[in-house]
Amino acid sequence: MVKVIKKRGSVEEFKPAKIKKSLEKAAIDAGYSVDEKKEIINSVYATINKKLDEKEEIKTDTIKVCLLSELDKCEPYIAHSWRNFEKRYKS
């Protein structure tokens, strides 16, 4: 099972549901319904999970970079919305 290294150094087991929930929230924040972007959410989710299956450990920042690069390819507006959210609430 993949271990996720959090920003403050703690380690937890990878929980794929967190990825999907984050993608859904980003789509909603971008002004879409989850149903409108379900195909894109599922595609990005599958791609990220496939990449993570190859790892034993991964940092949360690496996961975020992978997610945003996939979103930039297929749905840049959602990626933009995600970045704006992070600027407002995580800076």
C-alpha atoms as a PDB file:
ATOM      1  CA  MET A   1       0.000   0.000   0.000  1.00  0.00           C
ATOM      2  CA  VAL A   2       1.211   3.495  -0.852  1.00  0.00           C
ATOM      3  CA  LYS A   3       2.185   5.716   2.064  1.00  0.00           C
ATOM      4  CA  VAL A   4       1.590   9.459   1.843  1.00  0.00           C
ATOM      5  CA  ILE A   5       4.075  11.821   3.456  1.00  0.00           C
ATOM      6  CA  LYS A   6       2.202  14.871   4.697  1.00  0.00           C
ATOM      7  CA  LYS A   7       3.639  18.408   4.675  1.00  0.00           C
ATOM      8  CA  ARG A   8       4.544  18.271   8.351  1.00  0.00           C
ATOM      9  CA  GLY A   9       6.260  14.906   8.036  1.00  0.00           C
ATOM     10  CA  SER A  10       3.552  12.572   9.291  1.00  0.00           C
ATOM     11  CA  VAL A  11       2.838   9.473   7.222  1.00  0.00           C
ATOM     12  CA  GLU A  12      -0.552   7.933   6.483  1.00  0.00           C
ATOM     13  CA  GLU A  13      -1.958   5.276   4.232  1.00  0.00           C
ATOM     14  CA  PHE A  14      -3.065   6.486   0.799  1.00  0.00           C
ATOM     15  CA  LYS A  15      -6.827   6.994   0.642  1.00  0.00           C
ATOM     16  CA  PRO A  16      -8.008   7.204  -2.983  1.00  0.00           C
ATOM     17  CA  ALA A  17     -11.369   8.613  -1.913  1.00  0.00           C
ATOM     18  CA  LYS A  18      -9.614  11.832  -0.834  1.00  0.00           C
ATOM     19  CA  ILE A  19      -8.384  12.357  -4.392  1.00  0.00           C
ATOM     20  CA  LYS A  20     -11.847  11.907  -5.868  1.00  0.00           C
ATOM     21  CA  LYS A  21     -13.420  14.204  -3.260  1.00  0.00           C
ATOM     22  CA  SER A  22     -10.821  16.904  -3.987  1.00  0.00           C
ATOM     23  CA  LEU A  23     -11.509  16.680  -7.715  1.00  0.00           C
ATOM     24  CA  GLU A  24     -15.259  16.933  -7.107  1.00  0.00           C
ATOM     25  CA  LYS A  25     -14.810  19.984  -4.863  1.00  0.00           C
ATOM     26  CA  ALA A  26     -12.579  21.661  -7.454  1.00  0.00           C
ATOM     27  CA  ALA A  27     -15.189  21.073 -10.175  1.00  0.00           C
ATOM     28  CA  ILE A  28     -17.924  22.547  -7.989  1.00  0.00           C
ATOM     29  CA  ASP A  29     -15.724  25.520  -7.066  1.00  0.00           C
ATOM     30  CA  ALA A  30     -15.151  26.079 -10.799  1.00  0.00           C
ATOM     31  CA  GLY A  31     -18.921  26.372 -11.284  1.00  0.00           C
ATOM     32  CA  TYR A  32     -19.694  22.893 -12.597  1.00  0.00           C
ATOM     33  CA  SER A  33     -21.777  20.113 -11.146  1.00  0.00           C
ATOM     34  CA  VAL A  34     -20.077  16.802 -10.416  1.00  0.00           C
ATOM     35  CA  ASP A  35     -22.349  15.170 -13.004  1.00  0.00           C
ATOM     36  CA  GLU A  36     -21.228  17.636 -15.705  1.00  0.00           C
ATOM     37  CA  LYS A  37     -17.579  16.768 -15.160  1.00  0.00           C
ATOM     38  CA  LYS A  38     -17.938  13.178 -13.997  1.00  0.00           C
ATOM     39  CA  GLU A  39     -16.054  11.790 -17.003  1.00  0.00           C
ATOM     40  CA  ILE A  40     -13.109  14.148 -16.496  1.00  0.00           C
ATOM     41  CA  ILE A  41     -13.056  13.543 -12.739  1.00  0.00           C
ATOM     42  CA  ASN A  42     -13.018   9.784 -13.293  1.00  0.00           C
ATOM     43  CA  SER A  43     -10.322  10.041 -15.954  1.00  0.00           C
ATOM     44  CA  VAL A  44      -7.990  12.170 -13.820  1.00  0.00           C
ATOM     45  CA  TYR A  45      -8.721   9.995 -10.784  1.00  0.00           C
ATOM     46  CA  ALA A  46      -7.821   6.825 -12.708  1.00  0.00           C
ATOM     47  CA  THR A  47      -4.625   8.357 -14.106  1.00  0.00           C
ATOM     48  CA  ILE A  48      -3.450   9.501 -10.671  1.00  0.00           C
ATOM     49  CA  ASN A  49      -4.238   6.153  -9.072  1.00  0.00           C
ATOM     50  CA  LYS A  50      -2.307   4.367 -11.804  1.00  0.00           C
ATOM     51  CA  LYS A  51       0.724   6.605 -11.206  1.00  0.00           C
ATOM     52  CA  LEU A  52       0.510   6.109  -7.454  1.00  0.00           C
ATOM     53  CA  ASP A  53       0.301   2.321  -7.745  1.00  0.00           C
ATOM     54  CA  GLU A  54       3.904   2.418  -8.927  1.00  0.00           C
ATOM     55  CA  LYS A  55       5.107   4.114  -5.713  1.00  0.00           C
ATOM     56  CA  GLU A  56       5.734   2.988  -2.158  1.00  0.00           C
ATOM     57  CA  GLU A  57       5.806   6.513  -0.725  1.00  0.00           C
ATOM     58  CA  ILE A  58       4.775   9.858  -2.128  1.00  0.00           C
ATOM     59  CA  LYS A  59       4.607  13.406  -0.814  1.00  0.00           C
ATOM     60  CA  THR A  60       1.329  15.308  -0.806  1.00  0.00           C
ATOM     61  CA  ASP A  61       2.947  18.047  -2.909  1.00  0.00           C
ATOM     62  CA  THR A  62       3.811  15.477  -5.580  1.00  0.00           C
ATOM     63  CA  ILE A  63       0.215  14.258  -5.635  1.00  0.00           C
ATOM     64  CA  LYS A  64      -0.988  17.851  -6.034  1.00  0.00           C
ATOM     65  CA  VAL A  65       1.424  18.511  -8.913  1.00  0.00           C
ATOM     66  CA  CYS A  66       0.249  15.327 -10.683  1.00  0.00           C
ATOM     67  CA  LEU A  67      -3.403  16.269 -10.207  1.00  0.00           C
ATOM     68  CA  LEU A  68      -2.917  19.801 -11.478  1.00  0.00           C
ATOM     69  CA  SER A  69      -0.894  18.719 -14.506  1.00  0.00           C
ATOM     70  CA  GLU A  70      -3.615  16.234 -15.474  1.00  0.00           C
ATOM     71  CA  LEU A  71      -6.307  18.874 -14.973  1.00  0.00           C
ATOM     72  CA  ASP A  72      -4.297  21.377 -17.026  1.00  0.00           C
ATOM     73  CA  LYS A  73      -4.395  18.914 -19.931  1.00  0.00           C
ATOM     74  CA  CYS A  74      -8.097  18.137 -19.910  1.00  0.00           C
ATOM     75  CA  GLU A  75      -9.887  20.854 -17.908  1.00  0.00           C
ATOM     76  CA  PRO A  76      -7.743  23.942 -17.293  1.00  0.00           C
ATOM     77  CA  TYR A  77     -10.560  25.930 -15.706  1.00  0.00           C
ATOM     78  CA  ILE A  78     -10.867  23.410 -12.870  1.00  0.00           C
ATOM     79  CA  ALA A  79      -7.076  23.498 -12.391  1.00  0.00           C
ATOM     80  CA  HIS A  80      -7.234  27.296 -12.259  1.00  0.00           C
ATOM     81  CA  SER A  81     -10.026  27.137  -9.695  1.00  0.00           C
ATOM     82  CA  TRP A  82      -7.977  24.703  -7.575  1.00  0.00           C
ATOM     83  CA  ARG A  83      -4.973  27.054  -7.608  1.00  0.00           C
ATOM     84  CA  ASN A  84      -7.156  30.031  -6.662  1.00  0.00           C
ATOM     85  CA  PHE A  85      -8.608  28.076  -3.745  1.00  0.00           C
ATOM     86  CA  GLU A  86      -5.122  27.273  -2.496  1.00  0.00           C
ATOM     87  CA  LYS A  87      -4.028  30.906  -2.784  1.00  0.00           C
ATOM     88  CA  ARG A  88      -7.027  32.095  -0.772  1.00  0.00           C
ATOM     89  CA  TYR A  89      -7.188  29.468   1.934  1.00  0.00           C
ATOM     90  CA  LYS A  90      -3.830  27.757   2.227  1.00  0.00           C
ATOM     91  CA  SER A  91      -1.374  30.635   2.002  1.00  0.00           C
END
